[in-house]
PDB file of all heavy atoms in Angstrom:
ATOM      1  N   ASP A   1     177.217  88.442 139.763  1.00  0.00           N
ATOM      2  CA  ASP A   1     177.486  89.703 140.361  1.00  0.00           C
ATOM      3  C   ASP A   1     177.473  89.758 141.823  1.00  0.00           C
ATOM      4  O   ASP A   1     178.206  90.371 142.453  1.00  0.00           O
ATOM      5  CB  ASP A   1     176.419  90.751 139.899  1.00  0.00           C
ATOM      6  CG  ASP A   1     176.517  92.142 140.447  1.00  0.00           C
ATOM      7  OD1 ASP A   1     177.558  92.805 140.067  1.00  0.00           O
ATOM      8  OD2 ASP A   1     175.723  92.553 141.145  1.00  0.00           O
ATOM      9  N   THR A   2     176.559  88.936 142.478  1.00  0.00           N
ATOM     10  CA  THR A   2     176.386  88.851 143.858  1.00  0.00           C
ATOM     11  C   THR A   2     177.594  88.165 144.466  1.00  0.00           C
ATOM     12  O   THR A   2     178.020  88.602 145.606  1.00  0.00           O
ATOM     13  CB  THR A   2     175.021  88.018 144.122  1.00  0.00           C
ATOM     14  OG1 THR A   2     173.971  88.781 143.622  1.00  0.00           O
ATOM     15  CG2 THR A   2     174.942  87.891 145.634  1.00  0.00           C
ATOM     16  N   PHE A   3     178.117  87.080 143.928  1.00  0.00           N
ATOM     17  CA  PHE A   3     179.237  86.237 144.583  1.00  0.00           C
ATOM     18  C   PHE A   3     180.547  86.411 143.976  1.00  0.00           C
ATOM     19  O   PHE A   3     181.436  85.644 144.285  1.00  0.00           O
ATOM     20  CB  PHE A   3     178.778  84.787 144.521  1.00  0.00           C
ATOM     21  CG  PHE A   3     177.506  84.573 145.295  1.00  0.00           C
ATOM     22  CD1 PHE A   3     176.409  83.873 144.622  1.00  0.00           C
ATOM     23  CD2 PHE A   3     177.299  84.991 146.529  1.00  0.00           C
ATOM     24  CE1 PHE A   3     175.189  83.662 145.366  1.00  0.00           C
ATOM     25  CE2 PHE A   3     176.089  84.701 147.385  1.00  0.00           C
ATOM     26  CZ  PHE A   3     175.039  84.036 146.703  1.00  0.00           C
ATOM     27  N   GLY A   4     180.639  87.484 143.040  1.00  0.00           N
ATOM     28  CA  GLY A   4     181.943  87.606 142.329  1.00  0.00           C
ATOM     29  C   GLY A   4     183.076  88.103 143.205  1.00  0.00           C
ATOM     30  O   GLY A   4     184.255  88.184 142.698  1.00  0.00           O
ATOM     31  N   ALA A   5     182.751  88.587 144.401  1.00  0.00           N
ATOM     32  CA  ALA A   5     183.915  89.325 145.084  1.00  0.00           C
ATOM     33  C   ALA A   5     184.832  88.228 145.852  1.00  0.00           C
ATOM     34  O   ALA A   5     185.952  88.673 146.211  1.00  0.00           O
ATOM     35  CB  ALA A   5     183.221  90.149 146.316  1.00  0.00           C
ATOM     36  N   TRP A   6     184.501  86.986 146.023  1.00  0.00           N
ATOM     37  CA  TRP A   6     185.279  86.113 146.714  1.00  0.00           C
ATOM     38  C   TRP A   6     186.384  85.672 145.743  1.00  0.00           C
ATOM     39  O   TRP A   6     186.007  85.221 144.584  1.00  0.00           O
ATOM     40  CB  TRP A   6     184.518  84.931 147.225  1.00  0.00           C
ATOM     41  CG  TRP A   6     183.843  85.213 148.534  1.00  0.00           C
ATOM     42  CD1 TRP A   6     184.408  85.269 149.718  1.00  0.00           C
ATOM     43  CD2 TRP A   6     182.417  85.588 148.750  1.00  0.00           C
ATOM     44  NE1 TRP A   6     183.387  85.536 150.669  1.00  0.00           N
ATOM     45  CE2 TRP A   6     182.256  85.735 150.052  1.00  0.00           C
ATOM     46  CE3 TRP A   6     181.362  85.631 147.818  1.00  0.00           C
ATOM     47  CZ2 TRP A   6     181.054  86.016 150.570  1.00  0.00           C
ATOM     48  CZ3 TRP A   6     180.055  85.999 148.430  1.00  0.00           C
ATOM     49  CH2 TRP A   6     179.966  86.233 149.655  1.00  0.00           C
ATOM     50  N   ALA A   7     187.579  85.697 146.181  1.00  0.00           N
ATOM     51  CA  ALA A   7     188.716  85.256 145.367  1.00  0.00           C
ATOM     52  C   ALA A   7     188.939  83.705 145.334  1.00  0.00           C
ATOM     53  O   ALA A   7     189.551  83.242 144.396  1.00  0.00           O
ATOM     54  CB  ALA A   7     189.948  85.935 145.849  1.00  0.00           C
ATOM     55  N   GLY A   8     188.510  83.077 146.396  1.00  0.00           N
ATOM     56  CA  GLY A   8     188.657  81.634 146.344  1.00  0.00           C
ATOM     57  C   GLY A   8     188.896  81.029 147.747  1.00  0.00           C
ATOM     58  O   GLY A   8     188.719  81.766 148.774  1.00  0.00           O
ATOM     59  N   ARG A   9     189.496  79.940 147.819  1.00  0.00           N
ATOM     60  CA  ARG A   9     189.728  79.277 149.099  1.00  0.00           C
ATOM     61  C   ARG A   9     191.206  79.316 149.486  1.00  0.00           C
ATOM     62  O   ARG A   9     192.028  79.513 148.468  1.00  0.00           O
ATOM     63  CB  ARG A   9     189.209  77.875 149.091  1.00  0.00           C
ATOM     64  CG  ARG A   9     189.940  76.961 148.155  1.00  0.00           C
ATOM     65  CD  ARG A   9     189.285  75.623 148.044  1.00  0.00           C
ATOM     66  NE  ARG A   9     189.885  74.670 147.060  1.00  0.00           N
ATOM     67  CZ  ARG A   9     189.672  74.690 145.803  1.00  0.00           C
ATOM     68  NH1 ARG A   9     188.830  75.603 145.309  1.00  0.00           N
ATOM     69  NH2 ARG A   9     190.360  73.975 144.924  1.00  0.00           N
ATOM     70  N   ARG A  10     191.489  79.153 150.643  1.00  0.00           N
ATOM     71  CA  ARG A  10     192.956  79.062 150.996  1.00  0.00           C
ATOM     72  C   ARG A  10     193.604  77.881 150.327  1.00  0.00           C
ATOM     73  O   ARG A  10     193.018  76.863 150.262  1.00  0.00           O
ATOM     74  CB  ARG A  10     193.154  78.999 152.559  1.00  0.00           C
ATOM     75  CG  ARG A  10     192.838  80.251 153.195  1.00  0.00           C
ATOM     76  CD  ARG A  10     192.785  80.118 154.732  1.00  0.00           C
ATOM     77  NE  ARG A  10     192.441  81.324 155.370  1.00  0.00           N
ATOM     78  CZ  ARG A  10     193.133  82.119 156.263  1.00  0.00           C
ATOM     79  NH1 ARG A  10     194.457  81.761 156.373  1.00  0.00           N
ATOM     80  NH2 ARG A  10     192.842  83.104 156.736  1.00  0.00           N
ATOM     81  N   GLU A  11     194.788  77.987 149.995  1.00  0.00           N
ATOM     82  CA  GLU A  11     195.517  76.823 149.369  1.00  0.00           C
ATOM     83  C   GLU A  11     195.577  75.713 150.277  1.00  0.00           C
ATOM     84  O   GLU A  11     195.808  75.776 151.432  1.00  0.00           O
ATOM     85  CB  GLU A  11     196.946  77.303 148.986  1.00  0.00           C
ATOM     86  CG  GLU A  11     197.779  76.169 148.270  1.00  0.00           C
ATOM     87  CD  GLU A  11     199.229  76.716 147.867  1.00  0.00           C
ATOM     88  OE1 GLU A  11     199.438  77.910 148.125  1.00  0.00           O
ATOM     89  OE2 GLU A  11     199.905  75.930 147.318  1.00  0.00           O
ATOM     90  N   GLY A  12     195.330  74.539 149.728  1.00  0.00           N
ATOM     91  CA  GLY A  12     195.255  73.281 150.461  1.00  0.00           C
ATOM     92  C   GLY A  12     193.877  72.939 151.170  1.00  0.00           C
ATOM     93  O   GLY A  12     193.684  71.753 151.556  1.00  0.00           O
ATOM     94  N   GLU A  13     192.955  73.852 151.134  1.00  0.00           N
ATOM     95  CA  GLU A  13     191.609  73.514 151.770  1.00  0.00           C
ATOM     96  C   GLU A  13     190.715  73.058 150.732  1.00  0.00           C
ATOM     97  O   GLU A  13     190.802  73.445 149.523  1.00  0.00           O
ATOM     98  CB  GLU A  13     191.052  74.825 152.370  1.00  0.00           C
ATOM     99  CG  GLU A  13     191.776  75.211 153.606  1.00  0.00           C
ATOM    100  CD  GLU A  13     191.201  76.355 154.410  1.00  0.00           C
ATOM    101  OE1 GLU A  13     190.058  76.799 153.902  1.00  0.00           O
ATOM    102  OE2 GLU A  13     191.647  76.678 155.455  1.00  0.00           O
ATOM    103  N   PRO A  14     189.815  72.146 151.044  1.00  0.00           N
ATOM    104  CA  PRO A  14     188.892  71.523 150.012  1.00  0.00           C
ATOM    105  C   PRO A  14     187.918  72.606 149.379  1.00  0.00           C
ATOM    106  O   PRO A  14     187.559  73.503 150.078  1.00  0.00           O
ATOM    107  CB  PRO A  14     188.204  70.471 150.780  1.00  0.00           C
ATOM    108  CG  PRO A  14     188.225  70.922 152.262  1.00  0.00           C
ATOM    109  CD  PRO A  14     189.564  71.538 152.422  1.00  0.00           C
ATOM    110  N   ALA A  15     187.526  72.233 148.188  1.00  0.00           N
ATOM    111  CA  ALA A  15     186.517  73.144 147.606  1.00  0.00           C
ATOM    112  C   ALA A  15     185.146  73.141 148.109  1.00  0.00           C
ATOM    113  O   ALA A  15     184.339  73.904 148.080  1.00  0.00           O
ATOM    114  CB  ALA A  15     186.531  72.902 146.027  1.00  0.00           C
ATOM    115  N   SER A  16     184.825  71.885 148.660  1.00  0.00           N
ATOM    116  CA  SER A  16     183.502  71.669 149.198  1.00  0.00           C
ATOM    117  C   SER A  16     183.499  70.568 150.280  1.00  0.00           C
ATOM    118  O   SER A  16     184.578  69.992 150.406  1.00  0.00           O
ATOM    119  CB  SER A  16     182.537  71.253 148.100  1.00  0.00           C
ATOM    120  OG  SER A  16     182.777  69.998 147.561  1.00  0.00           O
ATOM    121  N   PRO A  17     182.572  70.491 151.162  1.00  0.00           N
ATOM    122  CA  PRO A  17     182.639  69.540 152.291  1.00  0.00           C
ATOM    123  C   PRO A  17     182.809  68.162 151.905  1.00  0.00           C
ATOM    124  O   PRO A  17     183.162  67.308 152.693  1.00  0.00           O
ATOM    125  CB  PRO A  17     181.292  69.789 153.026  1.00  0.00           C
ATOM    126  CG  PRO A  17     180.895  71.172 152.617  1.00  0.00           C
ATOM    127  CD  PRO A  17     181.325  71.387 151.202  1.00  0.00           C
ATOM    128  N   SER A  18     182.624  67.820 150.630  1.00  0.00           N
ATOM    129  CA  SER A  18     182.818  66.351 150.169  1.00  0.00           C
ATOM    130  C   SER A  18     182.924  66.414 148.590  1.00  0.00           C
ATOM    131  O   SER A  18     182.821  67.470 147.983  1.00  0.00           O
ATOM    132  CB  SER A  18     181.761  65.455 150.681  1.00  0.00           C
ATOM    133  OG  SER A  18     180.561  65.506 149.746  1.00  0.00           O
ATOM    134  N   ALA A  19     183.162  65.268 148.018  1.00  0.00           N
ATOM    135  CA  ALA A  19     183.211  65.214 146.546  1.00  0.00           C
ATOM    136  C   ALA A  19     181.886  65.586 145.884  1.00  0.00           C
ATOM    137  O   ALA A  19     181.945  65.886 144.839  1.00  0.00           O
ATOM    138  CB  ALA A  19     183.674  63.802 146.142  1.00  0.00           C
ATOM    139  N   THR A  20     180.802  65.510 146.625  1.00  0.00           N
ATOM    140  CA  THR A  20     179.530  65.806 146.045  1.00  0.00           C
ATOM    141  C   THR A  20     179.294  67.281 146.143  1.00  0.00           C
ATOM    142  O   THR A  20     179.257  67.852 147.160  1.00  0.00           O
ATOM    143  CB  THR A  20     178.367  65.089 146.822  1.00  0.00           C
ATOM    144  OG1 THR A  20     178.636  63.687 146.828  1.00  0.00           O
ATOM    145  CG2 THR A  20     177.049  65.307 146.145  1.00  0.00           C
ATOM    146  N   PRO A  21     179.164  67.953 144.976  1.00  0.00           N
ATOM    147  CA  PRO A  21     178.963  69.448 145.132  1.00  0.00           C
ATOM    148  C   PRO A  21     177.686  69.888 145.726  1.00  0.00           C
ATOM    149  O   PRO A  21     176.603  69.135 145.746  1.00  0.00           O
ATOM    150  CB  PRO A  21     179.131  69.775 143.620  1.00  0.00           C
ATOM    151  CG  PRO A  21     178.478  68.558 142.869  1.00  0.00           C
ATOM    152  CD  PRO A  21     178.945  67.467 143.567  1.00  0.00           C
ATOM    153  N   LEU A  22     177.638  71.091 146.000  1.00  0.00           N
ATOM    154  CA  LEU A  22     176.261  71.773 146.488  1.00  0.00           C
ATOM    155  C   LEU A  22     175.765  72.323 145.266  1.00  0.00           C
ATOM    156  O   LEU A  22     176.466  72.855 144.453  1.00  0.00           O
ATOM    157  CB  LEU A  22     176.705  72.930 147.556  1.00  0.00           C
ATOM    158  CG  LEU A  22     177.319  72.337 148.849  1.00  0.00           C
ATOM    159  CD1 LEU A  22     177.575  73.511 149.830  1.00  0.00           C
ATOM    160  CD2 LEU A  22     176.652  71.162 149.509  1.00  0.00           C
ATOM    161  N   HIS A  23     174.347  72.299 145.276  1.00  0.00           N
ATOM    162  CA  HIS A  23     173.615  72.926 144.168  1.00  0.00           C
ATOM    163  C   HIS A  23     172.697  73.926 144.624  1.00  0.00           C
ATOM    164  O   HIS A  23     171.949  73.810 145.660  1.00  0.00           O
ATOM    165  CB  HIS A  23     172.932  71.828 143.333  1.00  0.00           C
ATOM    166  CG  HIS A  23     173.724  70.925 142.506  1.00  0.00           C
ATOM    167  ND1 HIS A  23     174.438  69.805 142.869  1.00  0.00           N
ATOM    168  CD2 HIS A  23     173.970  71.122 141.166  1.00  0.00           C
ATOM    169  CE1 HIS A  23     175.072  69.341 141.868  1.00  0.00           C
ATOM    170  NE2 HIS A  23     174.809  70.080 140.754  1.00  0.00           N
ATOM    171  N   VAL A  24     172.482  75.007 143.741  1.00  0.00           N
ATOM    172  CA  VAL A  24     171.410  75.971 143.857  1.00  0.00           C
ATOM    173  C   VAL A  24     170.789  76.013 142.577  1.00  0.00           C
ATOM    174  O   VAL A  24     171.336  76.443 141.528  1.00  0.00           O
ATOM    175  CB  VAL A  24     172.017  77.391 144.267  1.00  0.00           C
ATOM    176  CG1 VAL A  24     170.912  78.435 144.154  1.00  0.00           C
ATOM    177  CG2 VAL A  24     172.573  77.347 145.724  1.00  0.00           C
ATOM    178  N   ARG A  25     169.411  75.779 142.543  1.00  0.00           N
ATOM    179  CA  ARG A  25     168.714  75.817 141.302  1.00  0.00           C
ATOM    180  C   ARG A  25     167.536  76.848 141.445  1.00  0.00           C
ATOM    181  O   ARG A  25     166.825  76.766 142.343  1.00  0.00           O
ATOM    182  CB  ARG A  25     168.139  74.391 141.026  1.00  0.00           C
ATOM    183  CG  ARG A  25     169.188  73.328 140.740  1.00  0.00           C
ATOM    184  CD  ARG A  25     168.615  71.964 140.352  1.00  0.00           C
ATOM    185  NE  ARG A  25     169.639  71.018 140.017  1.00  0.00           N
ATOM    186  CZ  ARG A  25     170.258  70.168 140.741  1.00  0.00           C
ATOM    187  NH1 ARG A  25     169.941  70.207 142.109  1.00  0.00           N
ATOM    188  NH2 ARG A  25     171.191  69.411 140.278  1.00  0.00           N
ATOM    189  N   ILE A  26     167.462  77.758 140.431  1.00  0.00           N
ATOM    190  CA  ILE A  26     166.384  78.787 140.461  1.00  0.00           C
ATOM    191  C   ILE A  26     165.609  78.830 139.184  1.00  0.00           C
ATOM    192  O   ILE A  26     166.228  78.883 138.118  1.00  0.00           O
ATOM    193  CB  ILE A  26     167.117  80.130 140.695  1.00  0.00           C
ATOM    194  CG1 ILE A  26     167.907  80.093 142.008  1.00  0.00           C
ATOM    195  CG2 ILE A  26     166.073  81.244 140.790  1.00  0.00           C
ATOM    196  CD1 ILE A  26     168.649  81.326 142.305  1.00  0.00           C
ATOM    197  N   VAL A  27     164.411  78.477 139.218  1.00  0.00           N
ATOM    198  CA  VAL A  27     163.566  78.383 138.030  1.00  0.00           C
ATOM    199  C   VAL A  27     162.530  79.616 138.000  1.00  0.00           C
ATOM    200  O   VAL A  27     161.838  79.868 139.001  1.00  0.00           O
ATOM    201  CB  VAL A  27     162.659  77.057 138.066  1.00  0.00           C
ATOM    202  CG1 VAL A  27     161.794  76.978 136.843  1.00  0.00           C
ATOM    203  CG2 VAL A  27     163.607  75.891 138.300  1.00  0.00           C
ATOM    204  N   VAL A  28     162.584  80.386 136.981  1.00  0.00           N
ATOM    205  CA  VAL A  28     161.842  81.580 136.844  1.00  0.00           C
ATOM    206  C   VAL A  28     160.615  81.126 136.048  1.00  0.00           C
ATOM    207  O   VAL A  28     160.726  80.471 135.027  1.00  0.00           O
ATOM    208  CB  VAL A  28     162.495  82.696 136.089  1.00  0.00           C
ATOM    209  CG1 VAL A  28     161.564  83.912 136.026  1.00  0.00           C
ATOM    210  CG2 VAL A  28     163.816  83.050 136.991  1.00  0.00           C
ATOM    211  N   HIS A  29     159.388  81.560 136.368  1.00  0.00           N
ATOM    212  CA  HIS A  29     158.113  81.266 135.727  1.00  0.00           C
ATOM    213  C   HIS A  29     157.221  82.292 135.602  1.00  0.00           C
ATOM    214  O   HIS A  29     157.422  83.395 136.364  1.00  0.00           O
ATOM    215  CB  HIS A  29     157.561  79.992 136.435  1.00  0.00           C
ATOM    216  CG  HIS A  29     157.078  80.204 137.804  1.00  0.00           C
ATOM    217  ND1 HIS A  29     155.902  80.717 138.174  1.00  0.00           N
ATOM    218  CD2 HIS A  29     157.763  80.021 139.024  1.00  0.00           C
ATOM    219  CE1 HIS A  29     155.709  80.874 139.437  1.00  0.00           C
ATOM    220  NE2 HIS A  29     156.793  80.516 140.037  1.00  0.00           N
ATOM    221  N   ASP A  30     156.158  82.229 134.823  1.00  0.00           N
ATOM    222  CA  ASP A  30     155.126  83.288 134.735  1.00  0.00           C
ATOM    223  C   ASP A  30     154.500  83.287 136.137  1.00  0.00           C
ATOM    224  O   ASP A  30     154.259  82.242 136.779  1.00  0.00           O
ATOM    225  CB  ASP A  30     154.114  82.972 133.655  1.00  0.00           C
ATOM    226  CG  ASP A  30     154.617  83.179 132.293  1.00  0.00           C
ATOM    227  OD1 ASP A  30     155.489  84.051 132.199  1.00  0.00           O
ATOM    228  OD2 ASP A  30     154.308  82.460 131.373  1.00  0.00           O
ATOM    229  N   GLY A  31     154.082  84.444 136.466  1.00  0.00           N
ATOM    230  CA  GLY A  31     153.279  84.550 137.748  1.00  0.00           C
ATOM    231  C   GLY A  31     153.202  85.942 138.276  1.00  0.00           C
ATOM    232  O   GLY A  31     153.988  86.809 137.821  1.00  0.00           O
ATOM    233  N   ASN A  32     152.297  86.085 139.253  1.00  0.00           N
ATOM    234  CA  ASN A  32     152.158  87.410 139.804  1.00  0.00           C
ATOM    235  C   ASN A  32     152.361  87.247 141.336  1.00  0.00           C
ATOM    236  O   ASN A  32     151.792  86.209 141.929  1.00  0.00           O
ATOM    237  CB  ASN A  32     150.793  87.994 139.468  1.00  0.00           C
ATOM    238  CG  ASN A  32     150.713  89.474 139.792  1.00  0.00           C
ATOM    239  OD1 ASN A  32     151.117  89.952 140.836  1.00  0.00           O
ATOM    240  ND2 ASN A  32     150.291  90.284 138.762  1.00  0.00           N
ATOM    241  N   GLU A  33     152.936  88.210 142.082  1.00  0.00           N
ATOM    242  CA  GLU A  33     153.109  88.147 143.443  1.00  0.00           C
ATOM    243  C   GLU A  33     152.031  88.618 144.111  1.00  0.00           C
ATOM    244  O   GLU A  33     151.692  88.578 145.327  1.00  0.00           O
ATOM    245  CB  GLU A  33     154.275  88.949 143.841  1.00  0.00           C
ATOM    246  CG  GLU A  33     155.675  88.357 143.490  1.00  0.00           C
ATOM    247  CD  GLU A  33     155.918  87.061 144.112  1.00  0.00           C
ATOM    248  OE1 GLU A  33     155.747  86.936 145.349  1.00  0.00           O
ATOM    249  OE2 GLU A  33     156.375  86.118 143.451  1.00  0.00           O
ATOM    250  N   HIS A  34     150.998  89.252 143.385  1.00  0.00           N
ATOM    251  CA  HIS A  34     149.633  89.709 143.936  1.00  0.00           C
ATOM    252  C   HIS A  34     149.864  90.628 145.196  1.00  0.00           C
ATOM    253  O   HIS A  34     149.072  90.600 146.204  1.00  0.00           O
ATOM    254  CB  HIS A  34     148.807  88.558 144.341  1.00  0.00           C
ATOM    255  CG  HIS A  34     148.560  87.598 143.223  1.00  0.00           C
ATOM    256  ND1 HIS A  34     147.768  87.761 142.070  1.00  0.00           N
ATOM    257  CD2 HIS A  34     149.117  86.288 142.982  1.00  0.00           C
ATOM    258  CE1 HIS A  34     147.777  86.669 141.336  1.00  0.00           C
ATOM    259  NE2 HIS A  34     148.681  85.876 141.792  1.00  0.00           N
ATOM    260  N   THR A  35     150.904  91.437 145.164  1.00  0.00           N
ATOM    261  CA  THR A  35     151.131  92.255 146.298  1.00  0.00           C
ATOM    262  C   THR A  35     152.021  93.479 145.861  1.00  0.00           C
ATOM    263  O   THR A  35     152.478  93.525 144.846  1.00  0.00           O
ATOM    264  CB  THR A  35     151.839  91.509 147.426  1.00  0.00           C
ATOM    265  OG1 THR A  35     151.969  92.447 148.573  1.00  0.00           O
ATOM    266  CG2 THR A  35     153.285  91.036 147.027  1.00  0.00           C
TER     267      THR A  35
END
């Protein structure tokens, strides 16, 4: 939902800065923010 607005990249431009992709990993766990 957050990043769905982008249609993509310009034709002919690379998808990422190199062949190695960028990763975002988010782990949800039990816990309290205590605030």
